[in-house]
Amino acid sequence: MLKLKPVSTLRRSMFTLAALVALLPAAFAQSPIVIKFSHVVAVDTPKGKAAEFFAKRAAELTKGRVKVEVYPNSQLYKDKEEMEALQLGSVQMLAPSLSKFAPLGVKEFEVFDLPFIFDDYPSLHKVTNGPIGQGLLRKLESRGIHGLAYWDNGFKVMSANKPLKAVENYKGLKMRIQSSKVLDAEMRALGALPQVLAFSETYQALQTGVVDGTENPPSNLYTQKMHEVQKHVSVTNHGYLGYAVVVNKKFWEGLPADIRLALTKAMAESTQVANDVAFQDNQEALTKVQASGKTVVYKPTIGERFLLKKALMPVHKQMASRIGEDVIQSIYKETGFDPSKM
């Protein structure tokens, strides 16, 4: 015969079950919002350090309601894969180099690739921190992407297994570039042969001779150990490499307002860290490359740099129809750049 539980015991069980059910929403509410932040460089680069700082500040400012998981060194996605992953929501945050937005149809971002368009960091930051930079970020909205900030990586140097002192030294060299029509035109203007390769594949390509040289800020060159397979570096500072920190728009707009406010504050602090670290790390990286004894670091004379600049200035006119003449002219006006003086 089936034994029935006493009514009091049954009631206690029901109350216990009801209490557990009531606690479920609170338990789920306490689970942090996870932001997967993917990038392709090492942890000890300016971007890598700034990403880690952002993760720390996001947790602090949201009191643990947000957990930022940082995936460096292409652990999740390579250069060509990460933008699609962001749009699909597989990751929530990226910091791709600015030329990565051109394949999305926002070719104006390639203005940052133009050689010698920025003379120094103050002129650069007039653009990234001002209405021109913010206007460019807004162009990403229609692609399902929300722009948060610009992070510096730094001004680029050239490297190869031969000295790069004169323009003619570049002729015939296979030079690795990231995917950018501007950078392609830049290398062709020097008589070099541009080769598009993912950043994660560059070291091996240099080591095996698939490419002869490349361009990078010193911090990338050093942290990826490229200097170990490049005998010469020329401190040309001919171009800028920077990033835009972006999030999936739908994800961002779905966050509570107070969380967005806290993350915006964390991003502002992280941007200052990124830019300060970039400046310092690039100086230190050049010193370390030279101290390694594996690479000769050469600083072009004023005359040599002028001739390099003169050889590369036609790229500005060549790319105007692609980037937008109005965008280029607005930067000239903002920074005081005068191409007629070349």
C-alpha atoms as a PDB file:
ATOM      1  CA  MET A   1       0.000   0.000   0.000  1.00  0.00           C
ATOM      2  CA  LEU A   2       1.224   3.531  -0.894  1.00  0.00           C
ATOM      3  CA  LYS A   3       2.194   5.530   2.158  1.00  0.00           C
ATOM      4  CA  LEU A   4       1.235   9.235   2.087  1.00  0.00           C
ATOM      5  CA  LYS A   5       3.486  11.823   3.668  1.00  0.00           C
ATOM      6  CA  PRO A   6       2.032  13.755   6.563  1.00  0.00           C
ATOM      7  CA  VAL A   7       0.510  17.071   5.510  1.00  0.00           C
ATOM      8  CA  SER A   8       3.021  19.063   7.579  1.00  0.00           C
ATOM      9  CA  THR A   9       5.965  17.352   5.877  1.00  0.00           C
ATOM     10  CA  LEU A  10       4.439  17.930   2.452  1.00  0.00           C
ATOM     11  CA  ARG A  11       3.897  21.596   3.237  1.00  0.00           C
ATOM     12  CA  ARG A  12       7.473  21.988   4.399  1.00  0.00           C
ATOM     13  CA  SER A  13       8.721  20.418   1.160  1.00  0.00           C
ATOM     14  CA  MET A  14       6.530  22.710  -0.895  1.00  0.00           C
ATOM     15  CA  PHE A  15       7.702  25.793   0.987  1.00  0.00           C
ATOM     16  CA  THR A  16      11.312  24.725   0.527  1.00  0.00           C
ATOM     17  CA  LEU A  17      10.793  24.235  -3.202  1.00  0.00           C
ATOM     18  CA  ALA A  18       9.043  27.587  -3.504  1.00  0.00           C
ATOM     19  CA  ALA A  19      11.909  29.291  -1.699  1.00  0.00           C
ATOM     20  CA  LEU A  20      14.450  27.731  -4.070  1.00  0.00           C
ATOM     21  CA  VAL A  21      12.440  28.827  -7.110  1.00  0.00           C
ATOM     22  CA  ALA A  22      12.227  32.343  -5.723  1.00  0.00           C
ATOM     23  CA  LEU A  23      15.987  32.444  -5.342  1.00  0.00           C
ATOM     24  CA  LEU A  24      16.685  31.414  -8.939  1.00  0.00           C
ATOM     25  CA  PRO A  25      16.198  34.876 -10.534  1.00  0.00           C
ATOM     26  CA  ALA A  26      18.472  36.431  -7.904  1.00  0.00           C
ATOM     27  CA  ALA A  27      21.119  33.815  -8.585  1.00  0.00           C
ATOM     28  CA  PHE A  28      20.992  34.500 -12.307  1.00  0.00           C
ATOM     29  CA  ALA A  29      20.975  38.260 -11.691  1.00  0.00           C
ATOM     30  CA  GLN A  30      24.209  37.929  -9.767  1.00  0.00           C
ATOM     31  CA  SER A  31      25.984  36.292 -12.701  1.00  0.00           C
ATOM     32  CA  PRO A  32      28.319  38.892 -14.265  1.00  0.00           C
ATOM     33  CA  ILE A  33      27.858  40.171 -17.797  1.00  0.00           C
ATOM     34  CA  VAL A  34      30.697  38.607 -19.808  1.00  0.00           C
ATOM     35  CA  ILE A  35      32.494  40.643 -22.465  1.00  0.00           C
ATOM     36  CA  LYS A  36      34.851  38.667 -24.659  1.00  0.00           C
ATOM     37  CA  PHE A  37      37.617  41.036 -25.807  1.00  0.00           C
ATOM     38  CA  SER A  38      39.683  39.507 -28.635  1.00  0.00           C
ATOM     39  CA  HIS A  39      42.864  40.936 -30.117  1.00  0.00           C
ATOM     40  CA  VAL A  40      45.810  39.726 -32.196  1.00  0.00           C
ATOM     41  CA  VAL A  41      48.905  41.052 -30.403  1.00  0.00           C
ATOM     42  CA  ALA A  42      50.876  40.027 -27.326  1.00  0.00           C
ATOM     43  CA  VAL A  43      49.871  40.841 -23.756  1.00  0.00           C
ATOM     44  CA  ASP A  44      52.991  42.967 -23.261  1.00  0.00           C
ATOM     45  CA  THR A  45      52.223  45.371 -26.133  1.00  0.00           C
ATOM     46  CA  PRO A  46      50.467  48.737 -25.627  1.00  0.00           C
ATOM     47  CA  LYS A  47      47.152  47.255 -26.806  1.00  0.00           C
ATOM     48  CA  GLY A  48      47.637  44.148 -24.696  1.00  0.00           C
ATOM     49  CA  LYS A  49      48.375  46.147 -21.551  1.00  0.00           C
ATOM     50  CA  ALA A  50      45.488  48.540 -22.134  1.00  0.00           C
ATOM     51  CA  ALA A  51      43.081  45.647 -22.674  1.00  0.00           C
ATOM     52  CA  GLU A  52      44.122  44.070 -19.373  1.00  0.00           C
ATOM     53  CA  PHE A  53      43.745  47.442 -17.625  1.00  0.00           C
ATOM     54  CA  PHE A  54      40.277  47.862 -19.112  1.00  0.00           C
ATOM     55  CA  ALA A  55      39.238  44.431 -17.837  1.00  0.00           C
ATOM     56  CA  LYS A  56      40.411  45.361 -14.333  1.00  0.00           C
ATOM     57  CA  ARG A  57      38.707  48.783 -14.293  1.00  0.00           C
ATOM     58  CA  ALA A  58      35.485  47.428 -15.788  1.00  0.00           C
ATOM     59  CA  ALA A  59      35.210  44.946 -12.924  1.00  0.00           C
ATOM     60  CA  GLU A  60      36.003  47.626 -10.333  1.00  0.00           C
ATOM     61  CA  LEU A  61      33.689  50.328 -11.666  1.00  0.00           C
ATOM     62  CA  THR A  62      30.755  47.927 -12.124  1.00  0.00           C
ATOM     63  CA  LYS A  63      31.421  46.273  -8.757  1.00  0.00           C
ATOM     64  CA  GLY A  64      31.816  42.888 -10.389  1.00  0.00           C
ATOM     65  CA  ARG A  65      28.705  43.106 -12.555  1.00  0.00           C
ATOM     66  CA  VAL A  66      30.883  42.939 -15.682  1.00  0.00           C
ATOM     67  CA  LYS A  67      33.648  40.428 -16.385  1.00  0.00           C
ATOM     68  CA  VAL A  68      35.901  41.206 -19.352  1.00  0.00           C
ATOM     69  CA  GLU A  69      37.682  38.129 -20.702  1.00  0.00           C
ATOM     70  CA  VAL A  70      40.708  39.165 -22.766  1.00  0.00           C
ATOM     71  CA  TYR A  71      41.962  36.815 -25.493  1.00  0.00           C
ATOM     72  CA  PRO A  72      45.347  38.049 -26.871  1.00  0.00           C
ATOM     73  CA  ASN A  73      47.636  36.763 -29.623  1.00  0.00           C
ATOM     74  CA  SER A  74      44.863  35.619 -31.996  1.00  0.00           C
ATOM     75  CA  GLN A  75      43.756  32.966 -29.482  1.00  0.00           C
ATOM     76  CA  LEU A  76      40.194  33.196 -30.773  1.00  0.00           C
ATOM     77  CA  TYR A  77      40.383  34.808 -34.205  1.00  0.00           C
ATOM     78  CA  LYS A  78      42.963  35.994 -36.716  1.00  0.00           C
ATOM     79  CA  ASP A  79      42.979  39.406 -38.396  1.00  0.00           C
ATOM     80  CA  LYS A  80      40.570  38.460 -41.162  1.00  0.00           C
ATOM     81  CA  GLU A  81      38.157  36.569 -38.925  1.00  0.00           C
ATOM     82  CA  GLU A  82      37.613  38.794 -35.933  1.00  0.00           C
ATOM     83  CA  MET A  83      35.415  41.484 -37.530  1.00  0.00           C
ATOM     84  CA  GLU A  84      32.855  38.935 -38.705  1.00  0.00           C
ATOM     85  CA  ALA A  85      32.943  37.336 -35.257  1.00  0.00           C
ATOM     86  CA  LEU A  86      32.110  40.719 -33.719  1.00  0.00           C
ATOM     87  CA  GLN A  87      29.206  41.334 -36.096  1.00  0.00           C
ATOM     88  CA  LEU A  88      27.834  37.857 -35.389  1.00  0.00           C
ATOM     89  CA  GLY A  89      28.157  38.397 -31.641  1.00  0.00           C
ATOM     90  CA  SER A  90      30.688  35.589 -31.116  1.00  0.00           C
ATOM     91  CA  VAL A  91      32.820  38.200 -29.367  1.00  0.00           C
ATOM     92  CA  GLN A  92      31.652  41.499 -27.941  1.00  0.00           C
ATOM     93  CA  MET A  93      34.743  43.693 -28.190  1.00  0.00           C
ATOM     94  CA  LEU A  94      37.740  44.151 -30.494  1.00  0.00           C
ATOM     95  CA  ALA A  95      40.524  46.652 -31.040  1.00  0.00           C
ATOM     96  CA  PRO A  96      41.422  46.134 -34.723  1.00  0.00           C
ATOM     97  CA  SER A  97      43.849  48.316 -36.622  1.00  0.00           C
ATOM     98  CA  LEU A  98      42.087  51.159 -38.396  1.00  0.00           C
ATOM     99  CA  SER A  99      42.576  49.803 -41.909  1.00  0.00           C
ATOM    100  CA  LYS A 100      40.428  46.764 -40.992  1.00  0.00           C
ATOM    101  CA  PHE A 101      37.275  48.836 -41.436  1.00  0.00           C
ATOM    102  CA  ALA A 102      37.795  49.449 -45.156  1.00  0.00           C
ATOM    103  CA  PRO A 103      36.597  45.927 -46.140  1.00  0.00           C
ATOM    104  CA  LEU A 104      33.327  46.800 -44.371  1.00  0.00           C
ATOM    105  CA  GLY A 105      32.884  49.658 -46.813  1.00  0.00           C
ATOM    106  CA  VAL A 106      34.122  52.407 -44.492  1.00  0.00           C
ATOM    107  CA  LYS A 107      37.184  53.256 -46.578  1.00  0.00           C
ATOM    108  CA  GLU A 108      37.631  56.623 -44.895  1.00  0.00           C
ATOM    109  CA  PHE A 109      39.528  54.886 -42.090  1.00  0.00           C
ATOM    110  CA  GLU A 110      42.409  54.253 -44.506  1.00  0.00           C
ATOM    111  CA  VAL A 111      43.256  57.951 -44.175  1.00  0.00           C
ATOM    112  CA  PHE A 112      45.242  56.909 -41.093  1.00  0.00           C
ATOM    113  CA  ASP A 113      47.439  54.737 -43.341  1.00  0.00           C
ATOM    114  CA  LEU A 114      48.568  57.647 -45.516  1.00  0.00           C
ATOM    115  CA  PRO A 115      52.333  58.060 -45.184  1.00  0.00           C
ATOM    116  CA  PHE A 116      53.574  61.138 -43.324  1.00  0.00           C
ATOM    117  CA  ILE A 117      50.087  62.612 -42.812  1.00  0.00           C
ATOM    118  CA  PHE A 118      50.848  63.058 -39.094  1.00  0.00           C
ATOM    119  CA  ASP A 119      54.072  64.703 -37.992  1.00  0.00           C
ATOM    120  CA  ASP A 120      53.707  63.901 -34.297  1.00  0.00           C
ATOM    121  CA  TYR A 121      51.342  62.721 -31.585  1.00  0.00           C
ATOM    122  CA  PRO A 122      49.767  66.147 -30.855  1.00  0.00           C
ATOM    123  CA  SER A 123      48.666  66.524 -34.481  1.00  0.00           C
ATOM    124  CA  LEU A 124      47.402  62.930 -34.515  1.00  0.00           C
ATOM    125  CA  HIS A 125      45.372  63.382 -31.327  1.00  0.00           C
ATOM    126  CA  LYS A 126      43.741  66.515 -32.699  1.00  0.00           C
ATOM    127  CA  VAL A 127      42.125  64.155 -35.193  1.00  0.00           C
ATOM    128  CA  THR A 128      41.405  61.066 -33.060  1.00  0.00           C
ATOM    129  CA  ASN A 129      40.073  63.062 -30.095  1.00  0.00           C
ATOM    130  CA  GLY A 130      38.210  65.616 -32.186  1.00  0.00           C
ATOM    131  CA  PRO A 131      35.154  65.771 -34.443  1.00  0.00           C
ATOM    132  CA  ILE A 132      36.896  64.088 -37.397  1.00  0.00           C
ATOM    133  CA  GLY A 133      37.728  60.969 -35.420  1.00  0.00           C
ATOM    134  CA  GLN A 134      34.314  60.794 -33.767  1.00  0.00           C
ATOM    135  CA  GLY A 135      32.600  61.273 -37.121  1.00  0.00           C
ATOM    136  CA  LEU A 136      34.490  58.320 -38.547  1.00  0.00           C
ATOM    137  CA  LEU A 137      33.451  56.102 -35.630  1.00  0.00           C
ATOM    138  CA  ARG A 138      29.803  56.977 -36.226  1.00  0.00           C
ATOM    139  CA  LYS A 139      30.086  55.584 -39.758  1.00  0.00           C
ATOM    140  CA  LEU A 140      30.434  52.115 -38.211  1.00  0.00           C
ATOM    141  CA  GLU A 141      26.956  52.184 -36.656  1.00  0.00           C
ATOM    142  CA  SER A 142      25.232  51.045 -39.855  1.00  0.00           C
ATOM    143  CA  ARG A 143      27.502  47.958 -39.841  1.00  0.00           C
ATOM    144  CA  GLY A 144      26.289  46.888 -36.406  1.00  0.00           C
ATOM    145  CA  ILE A 145      29.425  48.239 -34.706  1.00  0.00           C
ATOM    146  CA  HIS A 146      29.735  50.929 -32.042  1.00  0.00           C
ATOM    147  CA  GLY A 147      33.057  52.753 -31.716  1.00  0.00           C
ATOM    148  CA  LEU A 148      34.332  53.542 -28.235  1.00  0.00           C
ATOM    149  CA  ALA A 149      37.839  54.973 -28.592  1.00  0.00           C
ATOM    150  CA  TYR A 150      41.094  55.209 -30.528  1.00  0.00           C
ATOM    151  CA  TRP A 151      44.211  53.611 -29.071  1.00  0.00           C
ATOM    152  CA  ASP A 152      47.721  54.404 -30.268  1.00  0.00           C
ATOM    153  CA  ASN A 153      50.195  51.740 -31.199  1.00  0.00           C
ATOM    154  CA  GLY A 154      52.696  54.204 -32.559  1.00  0.00           C
ATOM    155  CA  PHE A 155      54.629  55.413 -35.552  1.00  0.00           C
ATOM    156  CA  LYS A 156      56.121  52.734 -37.761  1.00  0.00           C
ATOM    157  CA  VAL A 157      59.684  51.782 -38.626  1.00  0.00           C
ATOM    158  CA  MET A 158      60.854  49.792 -41.652  1.00  0.00           C
ATOM    159  CA  SER A 159      62.791  46.550 -41.307  1.00  0.00           C
ATOM    160  CA  ALA A 160      64.608  44.221 -43.707  1.00  0.00           C
ATOM    161  CA  ASN A 161      67.759  42.142 -44.023  1.00  0.00           C
ATOM    162  CA  LYS A 162      69.568  44.979 -45.779  1.00  0.00           C
ATOM    163  CA  PRO A 163      70.128  48.632 -44.836  1.00  0.00           C
ATOM    164  CA  LEU A 164      67.211  50.932 -45.669  1.00  0.00           C
ATOM    165  CA  LYS A 165      68.810  54.359 -45.964  1.00  0.00           C
ATOM    166  CA  ALA A 166      67.765  55.533 -49.429  1.00  0.00           C
ATOM    167  CA  VAL A 167      64.528  55.160 -51.399  1.00  0.00           C
ATOM    168  CA  GLU A 168      66.228  52.887 -53.922  1.00  0.00           C
ATOM    169  CA  ASN A 169      67.056  50.406 -51.122  1.00  0.00           C
ATOM    170  CA  TYR A 170      63.406  49.302 -51.085  1.00  0.00           C
ATOM    171  CA  LYS A 171      63.279  48.360 -54.745  1.00  0.00           C
ATOM    172  CA  GLY A 172      62.276  44.731 -55.298  1.00  0.00           C
ATOM    173  CA  LEU A 173      61.866  43.891 -51.608  1.00  0.00           C
ATOM    174  CA  LYS A 174      58.865  41.745 -50.664  1.00  0.00           C
ATOM    175  CA  MET A 175      57.378  43.767 -47.809  1.00  0.00           C
ATOM    176  CA  ARG A 176      54.666  42.417 -45.537  1.00  0.00           C
ATOM    177  CA  ILE A 177      51.710  44.747 -45.029  1.00  0.00           C
ATOM    178  CA  GLN A 178      48.308  44.400 -43.457  1.00  0.00           C
ATOM    179  CA  SER A 179      45.413  44.515 -45.872  1.00  0.00           C
ATOM    180  CA  SER A 180      45.143  48.139 -47.023  1.00  0.00           C
ATOM    181  CA  LYS A 181      45.049  49.652 -50.496  1.00  0.00           C
ATOM    182  CA  VAL A 182      46.918  52.647 -49.105  1.00  0.00           C
ATOM    183  CA  LEU A 183      49.751  50.532 -47.738  1.00  0.00           C
ATOM    184  CA  ASP A 184      49.849  48.618 -51.010  1.00  0.00           C
ATOM    185  CA  ALA A 185      50.281  51.923 -52.871  1.00  0.00           C
ATOM    186  CA  GLU A 186      52.874  53.043 -50.320  1.00  0.00           C
ATOM    187  CA  MET A 187      55.139  50.070 -50.930  1.00  0.00           C
ATOM    188  CA  ARG A 188      54.717  50.273 -54.706  1.00  0.00           C
ATOM    189  CA  ALA A 189      55.701  53.950 -54.588  1.00  0.00           C
ATOM    190  CA  LEU A 190      59.015  52.783 -53.097  1.00  0.00           C
ATOM    191  CA  GLY A 191      59.467  50.084 -55.734  1.00  0.00           C
ATOM    192  CA  ALA A 192      58.788  47.331 -53.197  1.00  0.00           C
ATOM    193  CA  LEU A 193      56.429  44.370 -53.641  1.00  0.00           C
ATOM    194  CA  PRO A 194      53.635  44.442 -51.019  1.00  0.00           C
ATOM    195  CA  GLN A 195      52.585  41.106 -49.516  1.00  0.00           C
ATOM    196  CA  VAL A 196      49.410  40.948 -47.400  1.00  0.00           C
ATOM    197  CA  LEU A 197      49.808  38.579 -44.451  1.00  0.00           C
ATOM    198  CA  ALA A 198      48.063  38.095 -41.113  1.00  0.00           C
ATOM    199  CA  PHE A 199      50.021  39.583 -38.233  1.00  0.00           C
ATOM    200  CA  SER A 200      50.286  36.179 -36.545  1.00  0.00           C
ATOM    201  CA  GLU A 201      51.993  34.746 -39.659  1.00  0.00           C
ATOM    202  CA  THR A 202      54.558  37.511 -40.128  1.00  0.00           C
ATOM    203  CA  TYR A 203      57.403  36.185 -37.970  1.00  0.00           C
ATOM    204  CA  GLN A 204      57.514  32.839 -39.776  1.00  0.00           C
ATOM    205  CA  ALA A 205      57.260  34.539 -43.157  1.00  0.00           C
ATOM    206  CA  LEU A 206      60.268  36.703 -42.298  1.00  0.00           C
ATOM    207  CA  GLN A 207      62.153  33.745 -40.864  1.00  0.00           C
ATOM    208  CA  THR A 208      61.652  31.588 -43.949  1.00  0.00           C
ATOM    209  CA  GLY A 209      62.175  34.352 -46.498  1.00  0.00           C
ATOM    210  CA  VAL A 210      58.603  34.371 -47.780  1.00  0.00           C
ATOM    211  CA  VAL A 211      58.872  38.122 -47.258  1.00  0.00           C
ATOM    212  CA  ASP A 212      61.996  40.273 -46.962  1.00  0.00           C
ATOM    213  CA  GLY A 213      60.809  42.930 -44.578  1.00  0.00           C
ATOM    214  CA  THR A 214      57.905  44.737 -42.979  1.00  0.00           C
ATOM    215  CA  GLU A 215      56.730  47.907 -41.238  1.00  0.00           C
ATOM    216  CA  ASN A 216      55.712  48.041 -37.599  1.00  0.00           C
ATOM    217  CA  PRO A 217      55.847  50.185 -34.496  1.00  0.00           C
ATOM    218  CA  PRO A 218      58.927  49.110 -32.527  1.00  0.00           C
ATOM    219  CA  SER A 219      56.847  47.507 -29.760  1.00  0.00           C
ATOM    220  CA  ASN A 220      55.274  45.068 -32.228  1.00  0.00           C
ATOM    221  CA  LEU A 221      58.632  44.369 -33.834  1.00  0.00           C
ATOM    222  CA  TYR A 222      60.208  43.536 -30.475  1.00  0.00           C
ATOM    223  CA  THR A 223      57.397  41.639 -28.728  1.00  0.00           C
ATOM    224  CA  GLN A 224      56.857  39.415 -31.770  1.00  0.00           C
ATOM    225  CA  LYS A 225      60.643  38.819 -31.955  1.00  0.00           C
ATOM    226  CA  MET A 226      60.774  40.015 -35.568  1.00  0.00           C
ATOM    227  CA  HIS A 227      64.073  41.726 -34.829  1.00  0.00           C
ATOM    228  CA  GLU A 228      65.599  38.257 -34.434  1.00  0.00           C
ATOM    229  CA  VAL A 229      64.972  37.597 -38.131  1.00  0.00           C
ATOM    230  CA  GLN A 230      65.554  41.155 -39.419  1.00  0.00           C
ATOM    231  CA  LYS A 231      69.104  42.476 -39.574  1.00  0.00           C
ATOM    232  CA  HIS A 232      68.246  46.129 -40.158  1.00  0.00           C
ATOM    233  CA  VAL A 233      65.683  48.607 -38.859  1.00  0.00           C
ATOM    234  CA  SER A 234      65.255  52.142 -40.167  1.00  0.00           C
ATOM    235  CA  VAL A 235      63.495  54.570 -37.811  1.00  0.00           C
ATOM    236  CA  THR A 236      61.471  56.275 -40.526  1.00  0.00           C
ATOM    237  CA  ASN A 237      58.344  57.087 -38.466  1.00  0.00           C
ATOM    238  CA  HIS A 238      56.672  57.293 -41.861  1.00  0.00           C
ATOM    239  CA  GLY A 239      53.209  56.131 -40.884  1.00  0.00           C
ATOM    240  CA  TYR A 240      50.884  55.579 -37.979  1.00  0.00           C
ATOM    241  CA  LEU A 241      49.394  52.371 -36.640  1.00  0.00           C
ATOM    242  CA  GLY A 242      46.416  52.759 -34.371  1.00  0.00           C
ATOM    243  CA  TYR A 243      43.339  50.889 -33.271  1.00  0.00           C
ATOM    244  CA  ALA A 244      39.667  51.573 -32.778  1.00  0.00           C
ATOM    245  CA  VAL A 245      38.133  49.861 -29.778  1.00  0.00           C
ATOM    246  CA  VAL A 246      34.705  48.701 -30.906  1.00  0.00           C
ATOM    247  CA  VAL A 247      31.792  46.687 -29.545  1.00  0.00           C
ATOM    248  CA  ASN A 248      28.879  44.847 -31.047  1.00  0.00           C
ATOM    249  CA  LYS A 249      26.232  47.583 -31.303  1.00  0.00           C
ATOM    250  CA  LYS A 250      23.253  45.412 -30.330  1.00  0.00           C
ATOM    251  CA  PHE A 251      25.125  44.098 -27.289  1.00  0.00           C
ATOM    252  CA  TRP A 252      26.177  47.610 -26.242  1.00  0.00           C
ATOM    253  CA  GLU A 253      22.703  49.085 -26.565  1.00  0.00           C
ATOM    254  CA  GLY A 254      21.273  46.162 -24.606  1.00  0.00           C
ATOM    255  CA  LEU A 255      23.389  46.917 -21.538  1.00  0.00           C
ATOM    256  CA  PRO A 256      21.846  48.789 -18.594  1.00  0.00           C
ATOM    257  CA  ALA A 257      22.534  52.541 -18.762  1.00  0.00           C
ATOM    258  CA  ASP A 258      24.606  52.565 -15.565  1.00  0.00           C
ATOM    259  CA  ILE A 259      26.782  49.723 -16.886  1.00  0.00           C
ATOM    260  CA  ARG A 260      27.416  51.609 -20.144  1.00  0.00           C
ATOM    261  CA  LEU A 261      28.349  54.697 -18.148  1.00  0.00           C
ATOM    262  CA  ALA A 262      30.838  52.749 -16.021  1.00  0.00           C
ATOM    263  CA  LEU A 263      32.360  51.046 -19.077  1.00  0.00           C
ATOM    264  CA  THR A 264      32.683  54.394 -20.855  1.00  0.00           C
ATOM    265  CA  LYS A 265      34.651  55.709 -17.873  1.00  0.00           C
ATOM    266  CA  ALA A 266      36.820  52.589 -17.827  1.00  0.00           C
ATOM    267  CA  MET A 267      37.468  53.028 -21.557  1.00  0.00           C
ATOM    268  CA  ALA A 268      38.501  56.684 -21.135  1.00  0.00           C
ATOM    269  CA  GLU A 269      41.029  55.673 -18.485  1.00  0.00           C
ATOM    270  CA  SER A 270      42.235  52.755 -20.601  1.00  0.00           C
ATOM    271  CA  THR A 271      42.743  55.014 -23.603  1.00  0.00           C
ATOM    272  CA  GLN A 272      45.093  57.209 -21.609  1.00  0.00           C
ATOM    273  CA  VAL A 273      46.961  54.106 -20.483  1.00  0.00           C
ATOM    274  CA  ALA A 274      47.161  52.779 -24.050  1.00  0.00           C
ATOM    275  CA  ASN A 275      48.582  56.022 -25.431  1.00  0.00           C
ATOM    276  CA  ASP A 276      51.050  56.576 -22.586  1.00  0.00           C
ATOM    277  CA  VAL A 277      52.248  52.972 -22.746  1.00  0.00           C
ATOM    278  CA  ALA A 278      52.570  53.106 -26.546  1.00  0.00           C
ATOM    279  CA  PHE A 279      54.842  56.116 -26.370  1.00  0.00           C
ATOM    280  CA  GLN A 280      57.022  54.648 -23.629  1.00  0.00           C
ATOM    281  CA  ASP A 281      57.116  51.070 -24.938  1.00  0.00           C
ATOM    282  CA  ASN A 282      58.153  52.096 -28.433  1.00  0.00           C
ATOM    283  CA  GLN A 283      61.111  54.029 -27.081  1.00  0.00           C
ATOM    284  CA  GLU A 284      62.128  51.123 -24.855  1.00  0.00           C
ATOM    285  CA  ALA A 285      61.603  48.567 -27.619  1.00  0.00           C
ATOM    286  CA  LEU A 286      64.015  50.344 -29.948  1.00  0.00           C
ATOM    287  CA  THR A 287      66.627  50.367 -27.187  1.00  0.00           C
ATOM    288  CA  LYS A 288      66.094  46.639 -26.574  1.00  0.00           C
ATOM    289  CA  VAL A 289      66.280  45.818 -30.288  1.00  0.00           C
ATOM    290  CA  GLN A 290      69.588  47.649 -30.520  1.00  0.00           C
ATOM    291  CA  ALA A 291      70.884  46.040 -27.326  1.00  0.00           C
ATOM    292  CA  SER A 292      70.082  42.570 -28.659  1.00  0.00           C
ATOM    293  CA  GLY A 293      72.961  42.858 -31.116  1.00  0.00           C
ATOM    294  CA  LYS A 294      70.878  41.074 -33.761  1.00  0.00           C
ATOM    295  CA  THR A 295      69.631  44.168 -35.543  1.00  0.00           C
ATOM    296  CA  VAL A 296      71.281  47.404 -36.627  1.00  0.00           C
ATOM    297  CA  VAL A 297      69.014  50.356 -35.797  1.00  0.00           C
ATOM    298  CA  TYR A 298      69.491  53.282 -38.185  1.00  0.00           C
ATOM    299  CA  LYS A 299      68.031  56.778 -37.846  1.00  0.00           C
ATOM    300  CA  PRO A 300      67.731  58.481 -41.256  1.00  0.00           C
ATOM    301  CA  THR A 301      69.188  61.934 -41.669  1.00  0.00           C
ATOM    302  CA  ILE A 302      66.871  64.895 -42.268  1.00  0.00           C
ATOM    303  CA  GLY A 303      67.765  64.734 -45.957  1.00  0.00           C
ATOM    304  CA  GLU A 304      67.104  60.994 -46.254  1.00  0.00           C
ATOM    305  CA  ARG A 305      63.742  61.323 -44.501  1.00  0.00           C
ATOM    306  CA  PHE A 306      62.778  64.227 -46.759  1.00  0.00           C
ATOM    307  CA  LEU A 307      63.475  62.145 -49.870  1.00  0.00           C
ATOM    308  CA  LEU A 308      61.449  59.250 -48.456  1.00  0.00           C
ATOM    309  CA  LYS A 309      58.579  61.626 -47.737  1.00  0.00           C
ATOM    310  CA  LYS A 310      58.814  63.097 -51.227  1.00  0.00           C
ATOM    311  CA  ALA A 311      58.667  59.619 -52.787  1.00  0.00           C
ATOM    312  CA  LEU A 312      55.561  58.740 -50.766  1.00  0.00           C
ATOM    313  CA  MET A 313      53.528  61.956 -51.051  1.00  0.00           C
ATOM    314  CA  PRO A 314      51.954  60.968 -54.421  1.00  0.00           C
ATOM    315  CA  VAL A 315      50.097  58.244 -52.500  1.00  0.00           C
ATOM    316  CA  HIS A 316      47.910  60.971 -50.961  1.00  0.00           C
ATOM    317  CA  LYS A 317      46.586  62.071 -54.366  1.00  0.00           C
ATOM    318  CA  GLN A 318      46.423  58.523 -55.647  1.00  0.00           C
ATOM    319  CA  MET A 319      44.175  57.441 -52.764  1.00  0.00           C
ATOM    320  CA  ALA A 320      41.989  60.568 -52.596  1.00  0.00           C
ATOM    321  CA  SER A 321      39.198  59.078 -54.709  1.00  0.00           C
ATOM    322  CA  ARG A 322      39.131  55.966 -52.516  1.00  0.00           C
ATOM    323  CA  ILE A 323      39.341  57.594 -49.081  1.00  0.00           C
ATOM    324  CA  GLY A 324      37.555  60.825 -49.919  1.00  0.00           C
ATOM    325  CA  GLU A 325      39.223  64.099 -50.791  1.00  0.00           C
ATOM    326  CA  ASP A 326      37.102  65.848 -48.154  1.00  0.00           C
ATOM    327  CA  VAL A 327      38.402  63.564 -45.392  1.00  0.00           C
ATOM    328  CA  ILE A 328      42.042  64.124 -46.383  1.00  0.00           C
ATOM    329  CA  GLN A 329      41.575  67.887 -46.664  1.00  0.00           C
ATOM    330  CA  SER A 330      39.846  68.054 -43.268  1.00  0.00           C
ATOM    331  CA  ILE A 331      42.880  66.410 -41.676  1.00  0.00           C
ATOM    332  CA  TYR A 332      45.257  68.751 -43.506  1.00  0.00           C
ATOM    333  CA  LYS A 333      43.279  71.674 -42.096  1.00  0.00           C
ATOM    334  CA  GLU A 334      43.097  70.254 -38.571  1.00  0.00           C
ATOM    335  CA  THR A 335      46.828  69.481 -38.329  1.00  0.00           C
ATOM    336  CA  GLY A 336      48.235  72.289 -40.488  1.00  0.00           C
ATOM    337  CA  PHE A 337      49.767  69.813 -42.953  1.00  0.00           C
ATOM    338  CA  ASP A 338      50.773  71.481 -46.212  1.00  0.00           C
ATOM    339  CA  PRO A 339      51.549  69.050 -49.063  1.00  0.00           C
ATOM    340  CA  SER A 340      52.592  71.926 -51.335  1.00  0.00           C
ATOM    341  CA  LYS A 341      55.792  72.314 -49.336  1.00  0.00           C
ATOM    342  CA  MET A 342      57.112  69.008 -50.641  1.00  0.00           C
END
